[in-house]
């Protein structure tokens, strides 16, 4: 991922921290990568709730004359 990253604080449970670090020790993938992947999963799951442009294949409402 070559995009610029910003720093933020996230509070996780002790169990989440332990499991993430165990996963890191077995895979050598940084914990931050797993956290970003989790955020991406949540954003895609709730994409319908995010504002955005209307798709071009959706018919627009006709204006009243």
N, C-alpha and C. Protein backbone atom coordinates (compact mmCIF):
# COMPACT_ATOMS: atom_id res chain seq x y z
N UNK A 1 0.86 -1.17 0.00
CA UNK A 1 0.00 0.00 0.00
C UNK A 1 0.90 1.23 0.00
N UNK A 2 0.89 1.98 -1.08
CA UNK A 2 1.80 3.10 -1.20
C UNK A 2 1.15 4.44 -0.87
N UNK A 3 -0.14 4.43 -0.57
CA UNK A 3 -0.80 5.69 -0.22
C UNK A 3 -0.32 6.19 1.13
N UNK A 4 -0.35 7.51 1.28
CA UNK A 4 0.07 8.12 2.55
C UNK A 4 -0.87 7.67 3.66
N UNK A 5 -0.30 7.34 4.79
CA UNK A 5 -1.09 6.88 5.93
C UNK A 5 -1.10 7.96 7.00
N UNK A 6 -2.16 8.01 7.77
CA UNK A 6 -2.23 8.94 8.89
C UNK A 6 -2.20 8.15 10.18
N UNK A 7 -1.77 8.80 11.22
CA UNK A 7 -1.69 8.15 12.53
C UNK A 7 -2.99 8.41 13.29
N UNK A 8 -3.47 7.38 13.97
CA UNK A 8 -4.66 7.51 14.80
C UNK A 8 -4.53 6.58 15.99
N UNK A 9 -5.31 6.82 17.01
CA UNK A 9 -5.29 5.98 18.20
C UNK A 9 -6.53 5.10 18.20
N UNK A 10 -6.32 3.81 18.42
CA UNK A 10 -7.41 2.86 18.48
C UNK A 10 -7.26 2.07 19.77
N UNK A 11 -8.33 1.96 20.52
CA UNK A 11 -8.30 1.18 21.76
C UNK A 11 -8.88 -0.20 21.48
N UNK A 12 -8.13 -1.22 21.80
CA UNK A 12 -8.57 -2.60 21.62
C UNK A 12 -8.49 -3.31 22.97
N UNK A 13 -9.15 -4.44 23.05
CA UNK A 13 -9.12 -5.21 24.30
C UNK A 13 -7.78 -5.92 24.43
N UNK A 14 -7.48 -6.33 25.65
CA UNK A 14 -6.25 -7.09 25.90
C UNK A 14 -6.24 -8.38 25.09
N UNK A 15 -7.39 -9.02 24.97
CA UNK A 15 -7.47 -10.27 24.19
C UNK A 15 -7.21 -10.00 22.71
N UNK A 16 -7.77 -8.93 22.17
CA UNK A 16 -7.52 -8.59 20.77
C UNK A 16 -6.04 -8.32 20.55
N UNK A 17 -5.42 -7.59 21.47
CA UNK A 17 -4.01 -7.28 21.37
C UNK A 17 -3.16 -8.56 21.40
N UNK A 18 -3.48 -9.44 22.32
CA UNK A 18 -2.75 -10.70 22.44
C UNK A 18 -2.87 -11.54 21.18
N UNK A 19 -4.09 -11.63 20.66
CA UNK A 19 -4.31 -12.46 19.47
C UNK A 19 -3.66 -11.85 18.22
N UNK A 20 -3.72 -10.52 18.11
CA UNK A 20 -3.06 -9.86 16.98
C UNK A 20 -1.55 -10.07 17.01
N UNK A 21 -0.96 -9.97 18.20
CA UNK A 21 0.48 -10.16 18.31
C UNK A 21 0.87 -11.62 18.10
N UNK A 22 0.03 -12.55 18.50
CA UNK A 22 0.28 -13.96 18.22
C UNK A 22 0.23 -14.21 16.71
N UNK A 23 -0.76 -13.63 16.07
CA UNK A 23 -0.87 -13.75 14.61
C UNK A 23 0.36 -13.16 13.94
N UNK A 24 0.79 -12.00 14.41
CA UNK A 24 1.99 -11.37 13.87
C UNK A 24 3.22 -12.25 14.05
N UNK A 25 3.37 -12.85 15.22
CA UNK A 25 4.54 -13.68 15.47
C UNK A 25 4.57 -14.91 14.57
N UNK A 26 3.41 -15.38 14.18
CA UNK A 26 3.35 -16.57 13.30
C UNK A 26 3.45 -16.23 11.83
N UNK A 27 2.99 -15.04 11.44
CA UNK A 27 2.95 -14.68 10.02
C UNK A 27 3.98 -13.62 9.63
N UNK A 28 4.49 -12.88 10.61
CA UNK A 28 5.42 -11.76 10.39
C UNK A 28 4.76 -10.60 9.65
N UNK A 29 3.44 -10.60 9.57
CA UNK A 29 2.69 -9.48 8.99
C UNK A 29 2.46 -8.47 10.11
N UNK A 30 2.77 -7.19 9.88
CA UNK A 30 2.58 -6.20 10.94
C UNK A 30 1.12 -6.10 11.42
N UNK A 31 0.97 -5.86 12.71
CA UNK A 31 -0.37 -5.72 13.31
C UNK A 31 -1.15 -4.62 12.59
N UNK A 32 -0.49 -3.53 12.23
CA UNK A 32 -1.16 -2.42 11.55
C UNK A 32 -1.82 -2.87 10.25
N UNK A 33 -1.20 -3.81 9.56
CA UNK A 33 -1.78 -4.32 8.30
C UNK A 33 -3.10 -5.03 8.60
N UNK A 34 -3.13 -5.84 9.65
CA UNK A 34 -4.37 -6.53 10.02
C UNK A 34 -5.45 -5.53 10.43
N UNK A 35 -5.07 -4.49 11.13
CA UNK A 35 -6.05 -3.48 11.56
C UNK A 35 -6.62 -2.76 10.33
N UNK A 36 -5.75 -2.39 9.38
CA UNK A 36 -6.24 -1.73 8.15
C UNK A 36 -7.15 -2.67 7.36
N UNK A 37 -6.80 -3.96 7.28
CA UNK A 37 -7.65 -4.92 6.58
C UNK A 37 -9.01 -5.03 7.25
N UNK A 38 -9.02 -5.02 8.58
CA UNK A 38 -10.29 -5.07 9.31
C UNK A 38 -11.15 -3.85 9.03
N UNK A 39 -10.53 -2.69 8.98
CA UNK A 39 -11.27 -1.46 8.66
C UNK A 39 -11.85 -1.55 7.26
N UNK A 40 -11.06 -2.05 6.30
CA UNK A 40 -11.56 -2.21 4.93
C UNK A 40 -12.75 -3.16 4.88
N UNK A 41 -12.71 -4.24 5.66
CA UNK A 41 -13.84 -5.18 5.70
C UNK A 41 -15.11 -4.51 6.22
N UNK A 42 -14.98 -3.72 7.28
CA UNK A 42 -16.14 -3.01 7.84
C UNK A 42 -16.67 -1.99 6.86
N UNK A 43 -15.78 -1.24 6.21
CA UNK A 43 -16.23 -0.23 5.25
C UNK A 43 -16.95 -0.86 4.06
N UNK A 44 -16.47 -2.01 3.60
CA UNK A 44 -17.16 -2.65 2.48
C UNK A 44 -18.50 -3.25 2.93
N UNK A 45 -18.56 -3.75 4.16
CA UNK A 45 -19.81 -4.32 4.67
C UNK A 45 -20.89 -3.26 4.81
N UNK A 46 -20.51 -2.06 5.21
CA UNK A 46 -21.48 -0.99 5.42
C UNK A 46 -21.43 0.08 4.33
N UNK A 47 -20.94 -0.30 3.17
CA UNK A 47 -20.82 0.65 2.06
C UNK A 47 -22.16 1.29 1.71
N UNK A 48 -23.24 0.54 1.87
CA UNK A 48 -24.57 1.06 1.55
C UNK A 48 -24.94 2.27 2.42
N UNK A 49 -24.32 2.41 3.57
CA UNK A 49 -24.64 3.51 4.47
C UNK A 49 -23.76 4.74 4.24
N UNK A 50 -22.78 4.61 3.36
CA UNK A 50 -21.88 5.72 3.08
C UNK A 50 -22.42 6.59 1.95
N UNK A 51 -22.21 7.90 2.03
CA UNK A 51 -22.66 8.76 0.93
C UNK A 51 -21.79 8.51 -0.30
N UNK A 52 -22.36 8.73 -1.45
CA UNK A 52 -21.61 8.56 -2.68
C UNK A 52 -22.44 8.95 -3.88
N UNK A 53 -21.85 8.82 -5.04
CA UNK A 53 -22.55 9.17 -6.26
C UNK A 53 -23.52 8.05 -6.64
N UNK A 54 -24.60 8.44 -7.30
CA UNK A 54 -25.55 7.46 -7.80
C UNK A 54 -24.94 6.75 -9.00
N UNK A 55 -25.17 5.48 -9.08
CA UNK A 55 -24.67 4.68 -10.19
C UNK A 55 -25.35 5.12 -11.48
N UNK A 56 -24.62 5.02 -12.60
CA UNK A 56 -25.19 5.42 -13.88
C UNK A 56 -26.25 4.45 -14.38
N UNK A 57 -26.28 3.23 -13.86
CA UNK A 57 -27.27 2.25 -14.32
C UNK A 57 -28.58 2.33 -13.55
N UNK A 58 -28.68 3.23 -12.58
CA UNK A 58 -29.92 3.41 -11.84
C UNK A 58 -30.71 4.53 -12.49
N UNK A 59 -31.95 4.27 -12.91
CA UNK A 59 -32.72 5.33 -13.58
C UNK A 59 -32.98 6.51 -12.62
N UNK A 60 -32.76 7.70 -13.14
CA UNK A 60 -33.00 8.91 -12.33
C UNK A 60 -34.49 9.18 -12.27
N UNK A 61 -34.93 9.83 -11.18
CA UNK A 61 -36.32 10.21 -11.06
C UNK A 61 -36.62 11.30 -12.07
N UNK A 62 -37.76 11.19 -12.71
CA UNK A 62 -38.12 12.19 -13.71
C UNK A 62 -38.64 13.44 -13.04
N UNK A 63 -38.27 14.57 -13.60
CA UNK A 63 -38.70 15.86 -13.05
C UNK A 63 -40.15 16.11 -13.42
N UNK A 64 -40.90 16.73 -12.48
CA UNK A 64 -42.29 17.08 -12.76
C UNK A 64 -42.34 18.26 -13.70
N UNK A 65 -43.31 18.22 -14.61
CA UNK A 65 -43.44 19.30 -15.61
C UNK A 65 -44.45 20.32 -15.18
